[in-house]
Amino acid sequence: MERATAMTMESRERFASLLERHRGIVMKVAHTYAFGADDRADLAQEIAAQLWHAWPRYEAARSFSTWMYRIALNVAISHVRDAGRRGRHWVPLDDTLHDLADDNATDPEAAQRVRALYGFIARLAPLDRALMLLYLENHSGREIADVLGIGESNVTTKISRLKQRIRDEI
């Protein structure tokens, strides 16, 4: 009985450590799929809860960040779908985008391009938004395919098409 309790405590500590080390993934996904501060906080909390719920099924031989992205993106996509059913509407160019653009405050043209890019991403379908998020994070085609559960050639094709849309629209 004591051994089971120790394993449970060890498992909790390992989960907490991995979650803290990779919390940036949760925050990036929340910022990409929820636009108000309260919505982002709620989504981040829901992602963390679902990660904890799925933790017993995590296979240590697999990449934790890939596993985490997959769950986080699935939760976020469900969040978007649920919000749509509830009739909620988001305005994609909010303070978050202005904050991101502030990183380029010395170059107003660069700041405008950042706003335009994030506005473009915000208008994408949930799967394409996930694809762009992972691509902009410099994940390989294989990693993106693993996270999204689609073929690597499909990833390459979708990225190519999204790049062309960016060139056409921005």
Protein backbone atom coordinates (compact mmCIF):
# COMPACT_ATOMS: atom_id res chain seq x y z
CA MET A 1 0.00 0.00 0.00
CA GLU A 2 2.81 2.43 0.88
CA ARG A 3 4.54 1.61 -2.43
CA ALA A 4 1.38 2.51 -4.41
CA THR A 5 1.09 5.81 -2.52
CA ALA A 6 4.78 6.60 -3.16
CA MET A 7 4.35 5.85 -6.87
CA THR A 8 1.31 8.08 -7.02
CA MET A 9 3.19 10.92 -5.31
CA GLU A 10 6.19 10.33 -7.59
CA SER A 11 3.90 10.36 -10.62
CA ARG A 12 2.26 13.61 -9.48
CA GLU A 13 5.64 15.23 -8.94
CA ARG A 14 6.86 14.10 -12.36
CA PHE A 15 3.72 15.43 -14.02
CA ALA A 16 3.99 18.76 -12.19
CA SER A 17 7.65 19.08 -13.18
CA LEU A 18 7.00 18.30 -16.85
CA LEU A 19 3.99 20.63 -16.94
CA GLU A 20 6.02 23.47 -15.46
CA ARG A 21 8.94 22.85 -17.84
CA HIS A 22 6.62 22.85 -20.87
CA ARG A 23 4.02 25.39 -19.69
CA GLY A 24 4.89 27.59 -22.67
CA ILE A 25 3.08 25.09 -24.89
CA VAL A 26 -0.13 25.50 -22.89
CA MET A 27 0.17 29.28 -22.96
CA LYS A 28 0.89 29.45 -26.71
CA VAL A 29 -2.06 27.24 -27.52
CA ALA A 30 -4.33 29.22 -25.19
CA HIS A 31 -3.21 32.51 -26.75
CA THR A 32 -3.76 31.13 -30.25
CA TYR A 33 -7.27 29.79 -29.62
CA ALA A 34 -8.74 32.19 -27.04
CA PHE A 35 -8.61 35.93 -27.37
CA GLY A 36 -9.86 37.40 -24.10
CA ALA A 37 -7.79 37.20 -20.92
CA ASP A 38 -10.51 35.27 -19.07
CA ASP A 39 -11.02 32.91 -22.00
CA ARG A 40 -7.26 32.28 -22.23
CA ALA A 41 -7.05 31.52 -18.51
CA ASP A 42 -10.06 29.18 -18.72
CA LEU A 43 -8.62 27.39 -21.74
CA ALA A 44 -5.18 27.03 -20.14
CA GLN A 45 -6.83 25.57 -17.02
CA GLU A 46 -8.90 23.15 -19.11
CA ILE A 47 -5.78 22.05 -21.01
CA ALA A 48 -3.94 21.40 -17.74
CA ALA A 49 -6.91 19.44 -16.38
CA GLN A 50 -7.10 17.29 -19.52
CA LEU A 51 -3.35 16.70 -19.43
CA TRP A 52 -3.66 15.48 -15.84
CA HIS A 53 -6.62 13.28 -16.79
CA ALA A 54 -4.61 11.73 -19.66
CA TRP A 55 -1.37 11.45 -17.65
CA PRO A 56 -1.84 7.77 -16.66
CA ARG A 57 -1.89 6.87 -20.38
CA TYR A 58 1.28 8.83 -21.24
CA GLU A 59 4.01 6.55 -22.60
CA ALA A 60 7.44 7.72 -21.42
CA ALA A 61 9.06 6.40 -24.60
CA ARG A 62 7.25 9.13 -26.58
CA SER A 63 8.12 12.81 -26.63
CA PHE A 64 6.31 14.61 -23.80
CA SER A 65 6.04 17.86 -25.76
CA THR A 66 4.44 16.08 -28.75
CA TRP A 67 1.96 14.35 -26.44
CA MET A 68 1.27 17.65 -24.69
CA TYR A 69 0.73 19.55 -27.96
CA ARG A 70 -1.69 16.90 -29.20
CA ILE A 71 -3.85 17.11 -26.08
CA ALA A 72 -3.61 20.90 -25.83
CA LEU A 73 -4.63 21.38 -29.45
CA ASN A 74 -7.50 18.90 -29.18
CA VAL A 75 -8.82 20.74 -26.12
CA ALA A 76 -8.39 24.10 -27.85
CA ILE A 77 -10.17 22.97 -31.01
CA SER A 78 -13.05 21.65 -28.89
CA HIS A 79 -13.09 25.00 -27.08
CA VAL A 80 -13.45 26.84 -30.40
CA ARG A 81 -16.23 24.51 -31.55
CA ASP A 82 -18.09 24.85 -28.24
CA ALA A 83 -17.77 28.64 -28.35
CA GLY A 84 -19.19 28.62 -31.87
CA ARG A 85 -22.18 26.57 -30.75
CA ARG A 86 -22.80 29.00 -27.90
CA GLY A 87 -22.82 31.84 -30.41
CA ARG A 88 -19.73 33.58 -29.06
CA HIS A 89 -17.82 35.76 -31.46
CA TRP A 90 -14.21 36.81 -31.10
CA VAL A 91 -12.48 39.85 -32.42
CA PRO A 92 -9.02 38.59 -33.35
CA LEU A 93 -7.11 41.87 -33.18
CA ASP A 94 -7.18 42.56 -29.48
CA ASP A 95 -4.59 43.65 -26.92
CA THR A 96 -2.76 40.33 -27.25
CA LEU A 97 -1.81 41.09 -30.81
CA HIS A 98 -0.83 44.61 -29.90
CA ASP A 99 1.36 43.21 -27.11
CA LEU A 100 3.01 40.83 -29.58
CA ALA A 101 3.55 43.67 -32.01
CA ASP A 102 5.06 45.78 -29.22
CA ASP A 103 8.08 43.49 -29.38
CA ASN A 104 8.79 45.26 -32.68
CA ALA A 105 7.85 48.73 -31.43
CA THR A 106 11.03 50.26 -32.84
CA ASP A 107 10.00 49.06 -36.31
CA PRO A 108 6.35 50.02 -36.95
CA GLU A 109 6.35 48.16 -40.26
CA ALA A 110 7.43 44.93 -38.55
CA ALA A 111 4.81 45.48 -35.85
CA GLN A 112 2.13 45.83 -38.53
CA ARG A 113 3.30 42.63 -40.23
CA VAL A 114 3.09 40.76 -36.90
CA ARG A 115 -0.46 42.05 -36.35
CA ALA A 116 -1.42 41.04 -39.90
CA LEU A 117 0.06 37.56 -39.47
CA TYR A 118 -1.71 36.95 -36.15
CA GLY A 119 -4.94 38.32 -37.61
CA PHE A 120 -4.56 35.89 -40.52
CA ILE A 121 -3.90 32.97 -38.14
CA ALA A 122 -6.90 33.91 -36.00
CA ARG A 123 -9.19 33.61 -39.04
CA LEU A 124 -7.98 30.12 -39.96
CA ALA A 125 -9.93 26.96 -39.32
CA PRO A 126 -8.85 25.27 -36.06
CA LEU A 127 -6.73 22.55 -37.72
CA ASP A 128 -4.93 25.07 -39.95
CA ARG A 129 -4.37 27.31 -36.92
CA ALA A 130 -2.74 24.38 -35.10
CA LEU A 131 -0.62 23.65 -38.16
CA MET A 132 0.60 27.27 -38.35
CA LEU A 133 1.32 27.38 -34.62
CA LEU A 134 3.51 24.29 -34.83
CA TYR A 135 5.17 25.44 -38.06
CA LEU A 136 6.01 28.85 -36.59
CA GLU A 137 7.48 27.01 -33.59
CA ASN A 138 9.92 25.35 -36.04
CA HIS A 139 8.58 21.83 -35.56
CA SER A 140 9.49 19.38 -38.30
CA GLY A 141 6.87 18.04 -40.69
CA ARG A 142 7.09 14.68 -38.95
CA GLU A 143 6.51 16.24 -35.50
CA ILE A 144 3.55 18.25 -36.82
CA ALA A 145 2.11 15.10 -38.39
CA ASP A 146 2.49 13.23 -35.08
CA VAL A 147 0.81 15.99 -33.09
CA LEU A 148 -2.08 16.51 -35.51
CA GLY A 149 -2.53 12.86 -36.46
CA ILE A 150 -2.25 13.49 -40.20
CA GLY A 151 0.27 12.33 -42.79
CA GLU A 152 3.59 14.12 -43.25
CA SER A 153 2.88 14.75 -46.94
CA ASN A 154 -0.47 16.28 -45.93
CA VAL A 155 1.41 18.60 -43.56
CA THR A 156 3.77 19.68 -46.33
CA THR A 157 0.90 20.35 -48.72
CA LYS A 158 -1.13 22.29 -46.15
CA ILE A 159 1.88 24.42 -45.14
CA SER A 160 2.60 25.22 -48.77
CA ARG A 161 -1.01 26.28 -49.35
CA LEU A 162 -1.08 28.37 -46.17
CA LYS A 163 2.15 30.13 -47.15
CA GLN A 164 0.61 30.99 -50.51
CA ARG A 165 -2.52 32.34 -48.79
CA ILE A 166 -0.31 34.49 -46.56
CA ARG A 167 1.49 35.89 -49.62
CA ASP A 168 -1.84 36.57 -51.31
CA GLU A 169 -3.65 38.08 -48.32
CA ILE A 170 -0.97 39.96 -46.40
